[in-house]
C-alpha atoms as a PDB file:
ATOM      1  CA  MET A   1       3.382 -10.094  -9.808  1.00  0.00           C
ATOM      2  CA  ALA A   2       0.375  -8.667  -7.984  1.00  0.00           C
ATOM      3  CA  LEU A   3       2.666  -7.492  -5.185  1.00  0.00           C
ATOM      4  CA  ILE A   4       5.122  -5.527  -7.340  1.00  0.00           C
ATOM      5  CA  HIS A   5       2.989  -4.465 -10.335  1.00  0.00           C
ATOM      6  CA  PRO A   6       5.820  -4.744 -12.877  1.00  0.00           C
ATOM      7  CA  GLU A   7       6.184  -2.274 -15.715  1.00  0.00           C
ATOM      8  CA  ALA A   8       7.588  -5.033 -17.942  1.00  0.00           C
ATOM      9  CA  VAL A   9       8.518  -8.726 -17.701  1.00  0.00           C
ATOM     10  CA  TYR A  10      10.802 -10.589 -20.116  1.00  0.00           C
ATOM     11  CA  PHE A  11      11.712 -14.274 -20.124  1.00  0.00           C
ATOM     12  CA  GLY A  12      14.825 -15.862 -21.613  1.00  0.00           C
ATOM     13  CA  THR A  13      17.978 -17.699 -20.626  1.00  0.00           C
ATOM     14  CA  GLU A  14      21.224 -16.561 -19.063  1.00  0.00           C
ATOM     15  CA  GLY A  15      24.127 -18.939 -18.647  1.00  0.00           C
ATOM     16  CA  GLY A  16      21.873 -21.846 -19.597  1.00  0.00           C
ATOM     17  CA  THR A  17      19.412 -21.034 -16.817  1.00  0.00           C
ATOM     18  CA  ARG A  18      15.790 -19.958 -17.167  1.00  0.00           C
ATOM     19  CA  THR A  19      15.692 -16.245 -16.463  1.00  0.00           C
ATOM     20  CA  ALA A  20      13.058 -13.593 -15.892  1.00  0.00           C
ATOM     21  CA  TYR A  21      13.781  -9.883 -16.049  1.00  0.00           C
ATOM     22  CA  ILE A  22      11.153  -8.011 -14.063  1.00  0.00           C
ATOM     23  CA  PHE A  23      11.108  -4.219 -14.094  1.00  0.00           C
ATOM     24  CA  PHE A  24       9.268  -2.502 -11.246  1.00  0.00           C
ATOM     25  CA  ASN A  25       9.522   0.467  -8.898  1.00  0.00           C
ATOM     26  CA  LEU A  26      10.970  -0.388  -5.505  1.00  0.00           C
ATOM     27  CA  ASP A  27       9.989   2.507  -3.278  1.00  0.00           C
ATOM     28  CA  ASP A  28      11.134   0.839  -0.048  1.00  0.00           C
ATOM     29  CA  PRO A  29      14.254  -1.386   0.119  1.00  0.00           C
ATOM     30  CA  ALA A  30      12.667  -3.184   3.083  1.00  0.00           C
ATOM     31  CA  MET A  31      10.367  -4.831   0.517  1.00  0.00           C
ATOM     32  CA  MET A  32      13.252  -6.834  -0.969  1.00  0.00           C
ATOM     33  CA  PRO A  33      12.885  -9.767   1.475  1.00  0.00           C
ATOM     34  CA  VAL A  34       9.102  -9.715   1.030  1.00  0.00           C
ATOM     35  CA  ILE A  35       9.544 -10.008  -2.730  1.00  0.00           C
ATOM     36  CA  ALA A  36      12.473 -12.432  -2.801  1.00  0.00           C
ATOM     37  CA  GLU A  37      11.752 -14.863   0.036  1.00  0.00           C
ATOM     38  CA  PRO A  38       8.790 -16.624  -1.619  1.00  0.00           C
ATOM     39  CA  LEU A  39      10.896 -17.086  -4.749  1.00  0.00           C
ATOM     40  CA  PHE A  40      13.711 -18.603  -2.675  1.00  0.00           C
ATOM     41  CA  GLN A  41      11.414 -20.912  -0.712  1.00  0.00           C
ATOM     42  CA  GLU A  42       8.922 -21.985  -3.365  1.00  0.00           C
ATOM     43  CA  LEU A  43      11.040 -22.018  -6.524  1.00  0.00           C
ATOM     44  CA  GLN A  44      14.610 -22.284  -5.176  1.00  0.00           C
ATOM     45  CA  SER A  45      15.315 -19.222  -7.338  1.00  0.00           C
ATOM     46  CA  LYS A  46      18.345 -17.008  -7.484  1.00  0.00           C
ATOM     47  CA  VAL A  47      17.176 -13.399  -7.062  1.00  0.00           C
ATOM     48  CA  GLU A  48      19.195 -10.322  -7.865  1.00  0.00           C
ATOM     49  CA  PHE A  49      18.118  -6.699  -7.442  1.00  0.00           C
ATOM     50  CA  LEU A  50      19.802  -4.203  -9.764  1.00  0.00           C
ATOM     51  CA  PRO A  51      18.845  -0.621  -8.946  1.00  0.00           C
ATOM     52  CA  VAL A  52      18.612   1.691 -11.931  1.00  0.00           C
ATOM     53  CA  MET A  53      17.247   5.170 -12.561  1.00  0.00           C
ATOM     54  CA  ASN A  54      15.602   7.064 -15.353  1.00  0.00           C
ATOM     55  CA  ALA A  55      16.789  10.400 -16.737  1.00  0.00           C
ATOM     56  CA  ASP A  56      14.658  12.397 -14.274  1.00  0.00           C
ATOM     57  CA  ASP A  57      16.114  10.504 -11.299  1.00  0.00           C
ATOM     58  CA  LEU A  58      19.618  11.114 -12.634  1.00  0.00           C
ATOM     59  CA  GLN A  59      18.993  14.842 -12.989  1.00  0.00           C
ATOM     60  CA  ARG A  60      17.682  15.049  -9.396  1.00  0.00           C
ATOM     61  CA  GLY A  61      20.744  13.199  -8.128  1.00  0.00           C
ATOM     62  CA  LEU A  62      23.131  15.411 -10.066  1.00  0.00           C
ATOM     63  CA  ALA A  63      21.328  18.512  -8.769  1.00  0.00           C
ATOM     64  CA  LYS A  64      21.898  17.290  -5.197  1.00  0.00           C
ATOM     65  CA  ILE A  65      25.618  16.942  -5.907  1.00  0.00           C
ATOM     66  CA  ALA A  66      25.727  20.475  -7.302  1.00  0.00           C
ATOM     67  CA  GLN A  67      24.129  21.784  -4.078  1.00  0.00           C
ATOM     68  CA  GLN A  68      26.964  20.426  -1.938  1.00  0.00           C
END
């Protein structure tokens, strides 16, 4: 957690498996192995990254489309 400084963390189950939902900013995709590898090696975890955006990010992306 110290590495990614999450905005929020929720724990529950999904498909009968212990699950954590961790919300954080990923500024550099090259950090994905740095974040995930210890979880693979130490906890035999399944890790999934799901990129999302907020309304401001969406507006910037739509503005870029309009410029084309």
